Amino acid sequence: MIASPQPYRMTPQEYLEWEPTQEIRYEYIDGEVFAMTGGSKPHNRIALNLASDLNTHLQDSSCEVYIADVKVKISSVRSYHYPDVVVTCDSRDQESNQFIEYPCLIVEVLS
């Protein structure tokens, strides 16, 4: 029997420096990285419609709506994800262009 190679583990800082240099997006979960797969047209349409509706509903607030390409940091489980839609109303998220750390809504379309 051939032993499976152990996955290379990264620190969060190594991931944040490495990931932007890649041609595809990767999520980070407690030291391991996972390639993101592309979505289907219906999947994308659902996320876009929801983000558009949320953006319209929140237009007179301090909240911001993002779709697909914005990374979210989940500190409690040492992870970074790319949800389909994310909303933040926390001014601390305006301090970073790299990721959102204080989301109030995270949406993952299951399709």
PDB file of N, CA and C in Angstrom:
ATOM      1  N   MET A   1       0.851  -1.186   0.000  1.00  0.00           N
ATOM      2  CA  MET A   1       0.000   0.000   0.000  1.00  0.00           C
ATOM      3  C   MET A   1       0.889   1.239   0.000  1.00  0.00           C
ATOM      4  N   ILE A   2       0.515   2.214  -0.806  1.00  0.00           N
ATOM      5  CA  ILE A   2       1.269   3.465  -0.906  1.00  0.00           C
ATOM      6  C   ILE A   2       0.652   4.483   0.046  1.00  0.00           C
ATOM      7  N   ALA A   3       1.481   5.086   0.835  1.00  0.00           N
ATOM      8  CA  ALA A   3       1.000   6.102   1.779  1.00  0.00           C
ATOM      9  C   ALA A   3       0.618   7.368   1.030  1.00  0.00           C
ATOM     10  N   SER A   4      -0.486   7.958   1.446  1.00  0.00           N
ATOM     11  CA  SER A   4      -0.902   9.233   0.861  1.00  0.00           C
ATOM     12  C   SER A   4       0.005  10.336   1.372  1.00  0.00           C
ATOM     13  N   PRO A   5       0.398  11.243   0.491  1.00  0.00           N
ATOM     14  CA  PRO A   5       1.237  12.347   0.961  1.00  0.00           C
ATOM     15  C   PRO A   5       0.456  13.250   1.905  1.00  0.00           C
ATOM     16  N   GLN A   6       1.123  13.752   2.892  1.00  0.00           N
ATOM     17  CA  GLN A   6       0.495  14.678   3.820  1.00  0.00           C
ATOM     18  C   GLN A   6       0.323  16.031   3.132  1.00  0.00           C
ATOM     19  N   PRO A   7      -0.839  16.658   3.302  1.00  0.00           N
ATOM     20  CA  PRO A   7      -1.028  17.966   2.674  1.00  0.00           C
ATOM     21  C   PRO A   7      -0.080  19.001   3.277  1.00  0.00           C
ATOM     22  N   TYR A   8       0.372  19.910   2.440  1.00  0.00           N
ATOM     23  CA  TYR A   8       1.220  20.995   2.915  1.00  0.00           C
ATOM     24  C   TYR A   8       0.368  21.936   3.746  1.00  0.00           C
ATOM     25  N   ARG A   9       0.823  22.288   4.904  1.00  0.00           N
ATOM     26  CA  ARG A   9       0.082  23.191   5.779  1.00  0.00           C
ATOM     27  C   ARG A   9       0.699  24.580   5.720  1.00  0.00           C
ATOM     28  N   MET A  10      -0.151  25.587   5.760  1.00  0.00           N
ATOM     29  CA  MET A  10       0.282  26.983   5.713  1.00  0.00           C
ATOM     30  C   MET A  10      -0.227  27.709   6.940  1.00  0.00           C
ATOM     31  N   THR A  11       0.480  28.752   7.303  1.00  0.00           N
ATOM     32  CA  THR A  11      -0.043  29.674   8.306  1.00  0.00           C
ATOM     33  C   THR A  11      -1.031  30.590   7.594  1.00  0.00           C
ATOM     34  N   PRO A  12      -1.907  31.257   8.334  1.00  0.00           N
ATOM     35  CA  PRO A  12      -2.799  32.211   7.680  1.00  0.00           C
ATOM     36  C   PRO A  12      -2.035  33.277   6.886  1.00  0.00           C
ATOM     37  N   GLN A  13      -0.932  33.768   7.431  1.00  0.00           N
ATOM     38  CA  GLN A  13      -0.156  34.799   6.729  1.00  0.00           C
ATOM     39  C   GLN A  13       0.436  34.262   5.429  1.00  0.00           C
ATOM     40  N   GLU A  14       0.943  33.030   5.456  1.00  0.00           N
ATOM     41  CA  GLU A  14       1.476  32.423   4.231  1.00  0.00           C
ATOM     42  C   GLU A  14       0.385  32.304   3.173  1.00  0.00           C
ATOM     43  N   TYR A  15      -0.804  31.879   3.601  1.00  0.00           N
ATOM     44  CA  TYR A  15      -1.934  31.769   2.670  1.00  0.00           C
ATOM     45  C   TYR A  15      -2.281  33.126   2.064  1.00  0.00           C
ATOM     46  N   LEU A  16      -2.378  34.156   2.905  1.00  0.00           N
ATOM     47  CA  LEU A  16      -2.754  35.486   2.414  1.00  0.00           C
ATOM     48  C   LEU A  16      -1.727  36.049   1.442  1.00  0.00           C
ATOM     49  N   GLU A  17      -0.476  35.674   1.577  1.00  0.00           N
ATOM     50  CA  GLU A  17       0.562  36.121   0.646  1.00  0.00           C
ATOM     51  C   GLU A  17       0.593  35.261  -0.616  1.00  0.00           C
ATOM     52  N   TRP A  18       0.336  33.969  -0.489  1.00  0.00           N
ATOM     53  CA  TRP A  18       0.422  33.021  -1.601  1.00  0.00           C
ATOM     54  C   TRP A  18      -0.793  33.074  -2.523  1.00  0.00           C
ATOM     55  N   GLU A  19      -1.993  33.125  -1.940  1.00  0.00           N
ATOM     56  CA  GLU A  19      -3.225  32.972  -2.713  1.00  0.00           C
ATOM     57  C   GLU A  19      -3.400  33.998  -3.827  1.00  0.00           C
ATOM     58  N   PRO A  20      -3.095  35.274  -3.645  1.00  0.00           N
ATOM     59  CA  PRO A  20      -3.268  36.237  -4.746  1.00  0.00           C
ATOM     60  C   PRO A  20      -2.366  35.964  -5.955  1.00  0.00           C
ATOM     61  N   THR A  21      -1.333  35.169  -5.786  1.00  0.00           N
ATOM     62  CA  THR A  21      -0.424  34.872  -6.898  1.00  0.00           C
ATOM     63  C   THR A  21      -0.901  33.683  -7.729  1.00  0.00           C
ATOM     64  N   GLN A  22      -1.991  33.061  -7.321  1.00  0.00           N
ATOM     65  CA  GLN A  22      -2.495  31.876  -8.010  1.00  0.00           C
ATOM     66  C   GLN A  22      -3.511  32.253  -9.087  1.00  0.00           C
ATOM     67  N   GLU A  23      -3.643  31.392 -10.085  1.00  0.00           N
ATOM     68  CA  GLU A  23      -4.586  31.645 -11.172  1.00  0.00           C
ATOM     69  C   GLU A  23      -6.024  31.351 -10.778  1.00  0.00           C
ATOM     70  N   ILE A  24      -6.223  30.487  -9.797  1.00  0.00           N
ATOM     71  CA  ILE A  24      -7.568  30.203  -9.306  1.00  0.00           C
ATOM     72  C   ILE A  24      -7.636  30.556  -7.827  1.00  0.00           C
ATOM     73  N   ARG A  25      -8.854  30.613  -7.310  1.00  0.00           N
ATOM     74  CA  ARG A  25      -9.039  30.949  -5.899  1.00  0.00           C
ATOM     75  C   ARG A  25      -8.963  29.700  -5.029  1.00  0.00           C
ATOM     76  N   TYR A  26      -8.496  29.909  -3.818  1.00  0.00           N
ATOM     77  CA  TYR A  26      -8.396  28.834  -2.839  1.00  0.00           C
ATOM     78  C   TYR A  26      -9.011  29.296  -1.535  1.00  0.00           C
ATOM     79  N   GLU A  27      -9.698  28.377  -0.858  1.00  0.00           N
ATOM     80  CA  GLU A  27     -10.152  28.642   0.498  1.00  0.00           C
ATOM     81  C   GLU A  27      -9.151  28.021   1.466  1.00  0.00           C
ATOM     82  N   TYR A  28      -9.117  28.560   2.661  1.00  0.00           N
ATOM     83  CA  TYR A  28      -8.154  28.140   3.685  1.00  0.00           C
ATOM     84  C   TYR A  28      -8.922  27.678   4.906  1.00  0.00           C
ATOM     85  N   ILE A  29      -8.628  26.458   5.373  1.00  0.00           N
ATOM     86  CA  ILE A  29      -9.284  25.950   6.571  1.00  0.00           C
ATOM     87  C   ILE A  29      -8.230  25.341   7.483  1.00  0.00           C
ATOM     88  N   ASP A  30      -7.958  26.024   8.566  1.00  0.00           N
ATOM     89  CA  ASP A  30      -7.046  25.553   9.612  1.00  0.00           C
ATOM     90  C   ASP A  30      -5.744  24.974   9.061  1.00  0.00           C
ATOM     91  N   GLY A  31      -5.107  25.732   8.179  1.00  0.00           N
ATOM     92  CA  GLY A  31      -3.798  25.336   7.675  1.00  0.00           C
ATOM     93  C   GLY A  31      -3.791  24.655   6.326  1.00  0.00           C
ATOM     94  N   GLU A  32      -4.934  24.187   5.848  1.00  0.00           N
ATOM     95  CA  GLU A  32      -5.004  23.518   4.552  1.00  0.00           C
ATOM     96  C   GLU A  32      -5.712  24.407   3.541  1.00  0.00           C
ATOM     97  N   VAL A  33      -5.305  24.297   2.269  1.00  0.00           N
ATOM     98  CA  VAL A  33      -5.937  25.081   1.211  1.00  0.00           C
ATOM     99  C   VAL A  33      -6.698  24.150   0.281  1.00  0.00           C
ATOM    100  N   PHE A  34      -7.820  24.663  -0.234  1.00  0.00           N
ATOM    101  CA  PHE A  34      -8.699  23.893  -1.101  1.00  0.00           C
ATOM    102  C   PHE A  34      -9.066  24.742  -2.309  1.00  0.00           C
ATOM    103  N   ALA A  35      -8.852  24.182  -3.506  1.00  0.00           N
ATOM    104  CA  ALA A  35      -9.178  24.902  -4.737  1.00  0.00           C
ATOM    105  C   ALA A  35     -10.684  25.080  -4.846  1.00  0.00           C
ATOM    106  N   MET A  36     -11.085  26.249  -5.329  1.00  0.00           N
ATOM    107  CA  MET A  36     -12.493  26.551  -5.553  1.00  0.00           C
ATOM    108  C   MET A  36     -12.888  26.089  -6.949  1.00  0.00           C
ATOM    109  N   THR A  37     -14.074  25.529  -7.058  1.00  0.00           N
ATOM    110  CA  THR A  37     -14.575  25.134  -8.367  1.00  0.00           C
ATOM    111  C   THR A  37     -15.434  26.248  -8.941  1.00  0.00           C
ATOM    112  N   GLY A  38     -15.579  26.261 -10.234  1.00  0.00           N
ATOM    113  CA  GLY A  38     -16.426  27.254 -10.888  1.00  0.00           C
ATOM    114  C   GLY A  38     -17.897  26.933 -10.676  1.00  0.00           C
ATOM    115  N   GLY A  39     -18.731  27.950 -10.731  1.00  0.00           N
ATOM    116  CA  GLY A  39     -20.160  27.770 -10.555  1.00  0.00           C
ATOM    117  C   GLY A  39     -20.875  27.697 -11.891  1.00  0.00           C
ATOM    118  N   SER A  40     -22.107  27.242 -11.854  1.00  0.00           N
ATOM    119  CA  SER A  40     -22.922  27.168 -13.067  1.00  0.00           C
ATOM    120  C   SER A  40     -23.619  28.507 -13.302  1.00  0.00           C
ATOM    121  N   LYS A  41     -24.173  28.670 -14.478  1.00  0.00           N
ATOM    122  CA  LYS A  41     -24.916  29.897 -14.778  1.00  0.00           C
ATOM    123  C   LYS A  41     -26.118  30.068 -13.847  1.00  0.00           C
ATOM    124  N   PRO A  42     -26.933  29.018 -13.608  1.00  0.00           N
ATOM    125  CA  PRO A  42     -28.046  29.197 -12.664  1.00  0.00           C
ATOM    126  C   PRO A  42     -27.572  29.561 -11.250  1.00  0.00           C
ATOM    127  N   HIS A  43     -26.496  28.944 -10.799  1.00  0.00           N
ATOM    128  CA  HIS A  43     -25.916  29.254  -9.487  1.00  0.00           C
ATOM    129  C   HIS A  43     -25.543  30.732  -9.418  1.00  0.00           C
ATOM    130  N   ASN A  44     -24.860  31.205 -10.451  1.00  0.00           N
ATOM    131  CA  ASN A  44     -24.434  32.600 -10.507  1.00  0.00           C
ATOM    132  C   ASN A  44     -25.629  33.540 -10.553  1.00  0.00           C
ATOM    133  N   ARG A  45     -26.664  33.188 -11.303  1.00  0.00           N
ATOM    134  CA  ARG A  45     -27.858  34.032 -11.422  1.00  0.00           C
ATOM    135  C   ARG A  45     -28.556  34.165 -10.073  1.00  0.00           C
ATOM    136  N   ILE A  46     -28.668  33.069  -9.337  1.00  0.00           N
ATOM    137  CA  ILE A  46     -29.307  33.111  -8.015  1.00  0.00           C
ATOM    138  C   ILE A  46     -28.532  34.041  -7.081  1.00  0.00           C
ATOM    139  N   ALA A  47     -27.216  33.888  -7.041  1.00  0.00           N
ATOM    140  CA  ALA A  47     -26.387  34.733  -6.173  1.00  0.00           C
ATOM    141  C   ALA A  47     -26.489  36.198  -6.578  1.00  0.00           C
ATOM    142  N   LEU A  48     -26.457  36.459  -7.878  1.00  0.00           N
ATOM    143  CA  LEU A  48     -26.540  37.838  -8.366  1.00  0.00           C
ATOM    144  C   LEU A  48     -27.888  38.464  -8.026  1.00  0.00           C
ATOM    145  N   ASN A  49     -28.977  37.717  -8.226  1.00  0.00           N
ATOM    146  CA  ASN A  49     -30.305  38.248  -7.908  1.00  0.00           C
ATOM    147  C   ASN A  49     -30.437  38.556  -6.418  1.00  0.00           C
ATOM    148  N   LEU A  50     -29.947  37.666  -5.578  1.00  0.00           N
ATOM    149  CA  LEU A  50     -30.011  37.904  -4.134  1.00  0.00           C
ATOM    150  C   LEU A  50     -29.172  39.115  -3.744  1.00  0.00           C
ATOM    151  N   ALA A  51     -27.959  39.200  -4.278  1.00  0.00           N
ATOM    152  CA  ALA A  51     -27.090  40.343  -3.969  1.00  0.00           C
ATOM    153  C   ALA A  51     -27.723  41.650  -4.440  1.00  0.00           C
ATOM    154  N   SER A  52     -28.343  41.629  -5.605  1.00  0.00           N
ATOM    155  CA  SER A  52     -29.000  42.838  -6.126  1.00  0.00           C
ATOM    156  C   SER A  52     -30.148  43.265  -5.223  1.00  0.00           C
ATOM    157  N   ASP A  53     -30.972  42.300  -4.800  1.00  0.00           N
ATOM    158  CA  ASP A  53     -32.090  42.621  -3.906  1.00  0.00           C
ATOM    159  C   ASP A  53     -31.591  43.151  -2.559  1.00  0.00           C
ATOM    160  N   LEU A  54     -30.568  42.512  -2.015  1.00  0.00           N
ATOM    161  CA  LEU A  54     -30.002  42.985  -0.746  1.00  0.00           C
ATOM    162  C   LEU A  54     -29.419  44.384  -0.890  1.00  0.00           C
ATOM    163  N   ASN A  55     -28.718  44.620  -1.983  1.00  0.00           N
ATOM    164  CA  ASN A  55     -28.116  45.930  -2.217  1.00  0.00           C
ATOM    165  C   ASN A  55     -29.188  47.017  -2.297  1.00  0.00           C
ATOM    166  N   THR A  56     -30.284  46.728  -2.988  1.00  0.00           N
ATOM    167  CA  THR A  56     -31.392  47.685  -3.080  1.00  0.00           C
ATOM    168  C   THR A  56     -31.996  47.933  -1.698  1.00  0.00           C
ATOM    169  N   HIS A  57     -32.217  46.874  -0.955  1.00  0.00           N
ATOM    170  CA  HIS A  57     -32.822  46.990   0.375  1.00  0.00           C
ATOM    171  C   HIS A  57     -31.931  47.764   1.349  1.00  0.00           C
ATOM    172  N   LEU A  58     -30.623  47.634   1.200  1.00  0.00           N
ATOM    173  CA  LEU A  58     -29.681  48.239   2.151  1.00  0.00           C
ATOM    174  C   LEU A  58     -29.050  49.537   1.655  1.00  0.00           C
ATOM    175  N   GLN A  59     -29.527  50.069   0.546  1.00  0.00           N
ATOM    176  CA  GLN A  59     -28.855  51.216  -0.074  1.00  0.00           C
ATOM    177  C   GLN A  59     -28.786  52.457   0.803  1.00  0.00           C
ATOM    178  N   ASP A  60     -29.701  52.636   1.717  1.00  0.00           N
ATOM    179  CA  ASP A  60     -29.667  53.814   2.589  1.00  0.00           C
ATOM    180  C   ASP A  60     -29.052  53.509   3.956  1.00  0.00           C
ATOM    181  N   SER A  61     -28.313  52.424   4.034  1.00  0.00           N
ATOM    182  CA  SER A  61     -27.677  52.043   5.297  1.00  0.00           C
ATOM    183  C   SER A  61     -26.158  52.079   5.133  1.00  0.00           C
ATOM    184  N   SER A  62     -25.471  51.786   6.203  1.00  0.00           N
ATOM    185  CA  SER A  62     -24.007  51.723   6.142  1.00  0.00           C
ATOM    186  C   SER A  62     -23.519  50.334   5.728  1.00  0.00           C
ATOM    187  N   CYS A  63     -24.445  49.446   5.442  1.00  0.00           N
ATOM    188  CA  CYS A  63     -24.088  48.075   5.069  1.00  0.00           C
ATOM    189  C   CYS A  63     -23.596  48.006   3.629  1.00  0.00           C
ATOM    190  N   GLU A  64     -22.728  47.020   3.386  1.00  0.00           N
ATOM    191  CA  GLU A  64     -22.197  46.797   2.046  1.00  0.00           C
ATOM    192  C   GLU A  64     -22.420  45.345   1.663  1.00  0.00           C
ATOM    193  N   VAL A  65     -22.797  45.121   0.398  1.00  0.00           N
ATOM    194  CA  VAL A  65     -23.064  43.786  -0.129  1.00  0.00           C
ATOM    195  C   VAL A  65     -21.964  43.432  -1.123  1.00  0.00           C
ATOM    196  N   TYR A  66     -21.423  42.223  -0.990  1.00  0.00           N
ATOM    197  CA  TYR A  66     -20.376  41.752  -1.904  1.00  0.00           C
ATOM    198  C   TYR A  66     -20.770  40.393  -2.459  1.00  0.00           C
ATOM    199  N   ILE A  67     -20.250  40.093  -3.637  1.00  0.00           N
ATOM    200  CA  ILE A  67     -20.578  38.836  -4.292  1.00  0.00           C
ATOM    201  C   ILE A  67     -19.312  38.114  -4.752  1.00  0.00           C
ATOM    202  N   ALA A  68     -19.246  36.830  -4.477  1.00  0.00           N
ATOM    203  CA  ALA A  68     -18.307  35.839  -5.028  1.00  0.00           C
ATOM    204  C   ALA A  68     -16.819  36.066  -4.786  1.00  0.00           C
ATOM    205  N   ASP A  69     -16.245  37.166  -5.170  1.00  0.00           N
ATOM    206  CA  ASP A  69     -14.791  37.305  -5.158  1.00  0.00           C
ATOM    207  C   ASP A  69     -14.229  37.968  -3.907  1.00  0.00           C
ATOM    208  N   VAL A  70     -15.034  38.115  -2.873  1.00  0.00           N
ATOM    209  CA  VAL A  70     -14.561  38.751  -1.644  1.00  0.00           C
ATOM    210  C   VAL A  70     -14.372  37.683  -0.570  1.00  0.00           C
ATOM    211  N   LYS A  71     -13.191  37.669  -0.021  1.00  0.00           N
ATOM    212  CA  LYS A  71     -12.803  36.677   0.983  1.00  0.00           C
ATOM    213  C   LYS A  71     -13.365  37.082   2.346  1.00  0.00           C
ATOM    214  N   VAL A  72     -13.820  36.077   3.116  1.00  0.00           N
ATOM    215  CA  VAL A  72     -14.322  36.291   4.469  1.00  0.00           C
ATOM    216  C   VAL A  72     -13.450  35.510   5.444  1.00  0.00           C
ATOM    217  N   LYS A  73     -12.995  36.196   6.477  1.00  0.00           N
ATOM    218  CA  LYS A  73     -12.172  35.573   7.519  1.00  0.00           C
ATOM    219  C   LYS A  73     -13.077  35.125   8.661  1.00  0.00           C
ATOM    220  N   ILE A  74     -12.960  33.842   9.026  1.00  0.00           N
ATOM    221  CA  ILE A  74     -13.685  33.303  10.177  1.00  0.00           C
ATOM    222  C   ILE A  74     -12.634  32.944  11.230  1.00  0.00           C
ATOM    223  N   SER A  75     -12.392  33.858  12.145  1.00  0.00           N
ATOM    224  CA  SER A  75     -11.303  33.704  13.120  1.00  0.00           C
ATOM    225  C   SER A  75     -11.478  32.510  14.040  1.00  0.00           C
ATOM    226  N   SER A  76     -12.702  32.212  14.427  1.00  0.00           N
ATOM    227  CA  SER A  76     -12.937  31.153  15.415  1.00  0.00           C
ATOM    228  C   SER A  76     -12.501  29.772  14.931  1.00  0.00           C
ATOM    229  N   VAL A  77     -12.447  29.575  13.613  1.00  0.00           N
ATOM    230  CA  VAL A  77     -12.020  28.278  13.073  1.00  0.00           C
ATOM    231  C   VAL A  77     -10.828  28.417  12.134  1.00  0.00           C
ATOM    232  N   ARG A  78     -10.123  29.541  12.222  1.00  0.00           N
ATOM    233  CA  ARG A  78      -8.933  29.789  11.399  1.00  0.00           C
ATOM    234  C   ARG A  78      -9.195  29.458   9.929  1.00  0.00           C
ATOM    235  N   SER A  79     -10.137  30.179   9.325  1.00  0.00           N
ATOM    236  CA  SER A  79     -10.447  29.889   7.930  1.00  0.00           C
ATOM    237  C   SER A  79     -10.755  31.160   7.149  1.00  0.00           C
ATOM    238  N   TYR A  80     -10.588  31.033   5.835  1.00  0.00           N
ATOM    239  CA  TYR A  80     -10.939  32.084   4.883  1.00  0.00           C
ATOM    240  C   TYR A  80     -11.768  31.431   3.787  1.00  0.00           C
ATOM    241  N   HIS A  81     -12.907  32.038   3.471  1.00  0.00           N
ATOM    242  CA  HIS A  81     -13.827  31.474   2.480  1.00  0.00           C
ATOM    243  C   HIS A  81     -14.252  32.546   1.481  1.00  0.00           C
ATOM    244  N   TYR A  82     -14.760  32.090   0.357  1.00  0.00           N
ATOM    245  CA  TYR A  82     -15.342  32.956  -0.658  1.00  0.00           C
ATOM    246  C   TYR A  82     -16.826  32.619  -0.774  1.00  0.00           C
ATOM    247  N   PRO A  83     -17.680  33.199   0.070  1.00  0.00           N
ATOM    248  CA  PRO A  83     -19.107  32.894  -0.044  1.00  0.00           C
ATOM    249  C   PRO A  83     -19.694  33.528  -1.303  1.00  0.00           C
ATOM    250  N   ASP A  84     -20.859  33.040  -1.688  1.00  0.00           N
ATOM    251  CA  ASP A  84     -21.512  33.586  -2.878  1.00  0.00           C
ATOM    252  C   ASP A  84     -21.947  35.034  -2.664  1.00  0.00           C
ATOM    253  N   VAL A  85     -22.467  35.324  -1.483  1.00  0.00           N
ATOM    254  CA  VAL A  85     -22.882  36.691  -1.133  1.00  0.00           C
ATOM    255  C   VAL A  85     -22.506  36.919   0.326  1.00  0.00           C
ATOM    256  N   VAL A  86     -22.032  38.112   0.630  1.00  0.00           N
ATOM    257  CA  VAL A  86     -21.727  38.464   2.015  1.00  0.00           C
ATOM    258  C   VAL A  86     -22.135  39.915   2.251  1.00  0.00           C
ATOM    259  N   VAL A  87     -22.669  40.167   3.445  1.00  0.00           N
ATOM    260  CA  VAL A  87     -23.059  41.524   3.841  1.00  0.00           C
ATOM    261  C   VAL A  87     -22.306  41.874   5.116  1.00  0.00           C
ATOM    262  N   THR A  88     -21.774  43.082   5.149  1.00  0.00           N
ATOM    263  CA  THR A  88     -21.167  43.599   6.369  1.00  0.00           C
ATOM    264  C   THR A  88     -21.739  44.985   6.652  1.00  0.00           C
ATOM    265  N   CYS A  89     -22.004  45.225   7.915  1.00  0.00           N
ATOM    266  CA  CYS A  89     -22.472  46.537   8.363  1.00  0.00           C
ATOM    267  C   CYS A  89     -21.494  47.116   9.378  1.00  0.00           C
ATOM    268  N   ASP A  90     -20.355  46.487   9.509  1.00  0.00           N
ATOM    269  CA  ASP A  90     -19.359  46.859  10.509  1.00  0.00           C
ATOM    270  C   ASP A  90     -18.294  47.753   9.879  1.00  0.00           C
ATOM    271  N   SER A  91     -18.095  48.921  10.434  1.00  0.00           N
ATOM    272  CA  SER A  91     -17.125  49.878   9.875  1.00  0.00           C
ATOM    273  C   SER A  91     -15.696  49.344   9.903  1.00  0.00           C
ATOM    274  N   ARG A  92     -15.411  48.393  10.782  1.00  0.00           N
ATOM    275  CA  ARG A  92     -14.056  47.819  10.825  1.00  0.00           C
ATOM    276  C   ARG A  92     -13.699  47.095   9.528  1.00  0.00           C
ATOM    277  N   ASP A  93     -14.700  46.631   8.799  1.00  0.00           N
ATOM    278  CA  ASP A  93     -14.428  45.951   7.532  1.00  0.00           C
ATOM    279  C   ASP A  93     -13.986  46.908   6.432  1.00  0.00           C
ATOM    280  N   GLN A  94     -14.180  48.189   6.629  1.00  0.00           N
ATOM    281  CA  GLN A  94     -13.713  49.170   5.644  1.00  0.00           C
ATOM    282  C   GLN A  94     -12.210  49.395   5.745  1.00  0.00           C
ATOM    283  N   GLU A  95     -11.598  48.906   6.818  1.00  0.00           N
ATOM    284  CA  GLU A  95     -10.160  49.090   7.031  1.00  0.00           C
ATOM    285  C   GLU A  95      -9.311  48.127   6.213  1.00  0.00           C
ATOM    286  N   SER A  96      -9.905  47.049   5.706  1.00  0.00           N
ATOM    287  CA  SER A  96      -9.150  46.043   4.957  1.00  0.00           C
ATOM    288  C   SER A  96      -9.731  45.857   3.564  1.00  0.00           C
ATOM    289  N   ASN A  97      -8.877  45.877   2.561  1.00  0.00           N
ATOM    290  CA  ASN A  97      -9.303  45.550   1.202  1.00  0.00           C
ATOM    291  C   ASN A  97      -9.102  44.073   0.912  1.00  0.00           C
ATOM    292  N   GLN A  98      -8.478  43.356   1.843  1.00  0.00           N
ATOM    293  CA  GLN A  98      -8.105  41.967   1.616  1.00  0.00           C
ATOM    294  C   GLN A  98      -9.226  40.983   1.965  1.00  0.00           C
ATOM    295  N   PHE A  99      -9.997  41.277   3.008  1.00  0.00           N
ATOM    296  CA  PHE A  99     -11.059  40.363   3.420  1.00  0.00           C
ATOM    297  C   PHE A  99     -12.046  41.072   4.334  1.00  0.00           C
ATOM    298  N   ILE A 100     -13.189  40.413   4.543  1.00  0.00           N
ATOM    299  CA  ILE A 100     -14.198  40.863   5.498  1.00  0.00           C
ATOM    300  C   ILE A 100     -14.061  39.988   6.738  1.00  0.00           C
ATOM    301  N   GLU A 101     -14.058  40.624   7.889  1.00  0.00           N
ATOM    302  CA  GLU A 101     -13.891  39.880   9.135  1.00  0.00           C
ATOM    303  C   GLU A 101     -15.132  39.925  10.024  1.00  0.00           C
ATOM    304  N   TYR A 102     -16.032  40.854   9.763  1.00  0.00           N
ATOM    305  CA  TYR A 102     -17.196  41.034  10.628  1.00  0.00           C
ATOM    306  C   TYR A 102     -18.496  40.992   9.821  1.00  0.00           C
ATOM    307  N   PRO A 103     -18.770  39.908   9.115  1.00  0.00           N
ATOM    308  CA  PRO A 103     -19.989  39.850   8.312  1.00  0.00           C
ATOM    309  C   PRO A 103     -21.227  39.714   9.193  1.00  0.00           C
ATOM    310  N   CYS A 104     -22.341  40.223   8.715  1.00  0.00           N
ATOM    311  CA  CYS A 104     -23.605  40.004   9.419  1.00  0.00           C
ATOM    312  C   CYS A 104     -24.470  38.997   8.666  1.00  0.00           C
ATOM    313  N   LEU A 105     -24.102  38.705   7.409  1.00  0.00           N
ATOM    314  CA  LEU A 105     -24.816  37.700   6.622  1.00  0.00           C
ATOM    315  C   LEU A 105     -23.835  37.054   5.650  1.00  0.00           C
ATOM    316  N   ILE A 106     -23.834  35.737   5.622  1.00  0.00           N
ATOM    317  CA  ILE A 106     -23.045  34.970   4.658  1.00  0.00           C
ATOM    318  C   ILE A 106     -24.009  34.033   3.948  1.00  0.00           C
ATOM    319  N   VAL A 107     -23.979  34.054   2.614  1.00  0.00           N
ATOM    320  CA  VAL A 107     -24.877  33.213   1.822  1.00  0.00           C
ATOM    321  C   VAL A 107     -24.056  32.303   0.920  1.00  0.00           C
ATOM    322  N   GLU A 108     -24.374  31.031   0.959  1.00  0.00           N
ATOM    323  CA  GLU A 108     -23.783  30.056   0.046  1.00  0.00           C
ATOM    324  C   GLU A 108     -24.937  29.418  -0.723  1.00  0.00           C
ATOM    325  N   VAL A 109     -24.966  29.601  -2.029  1.00  0.00           N
ATOM    326  CA  VAL A 109     -26.017  29.032  -2.870  1.00  0.00           C
ATOM    327  C   VAL A 109     -25.714  27.553  -3.072  1.00  0.00           C
ATOM    328  N   LEU A 110     -26.689  26.716  -2.799  1.00  0.00           N
ATOM    329  CA  LEU A 110     -26.530  25.273  -2.997  1.00  0.00           C
ATOM    330  C   LEU A 110     -27.215  24.892  -4.303  1.00  0.00           C
ATOM    331  N   SER A 111     -26.430  24.585  -5.292  1.00  0.00           N
ATOM    332  CA  SER A 111     -27.021  24.223  -6.591  1.00  0.00           C
ATOM    333  C   SER A 111     -26.215  23.151  -7.268  1.00  0.00           C
TER     334      SER A 111
END
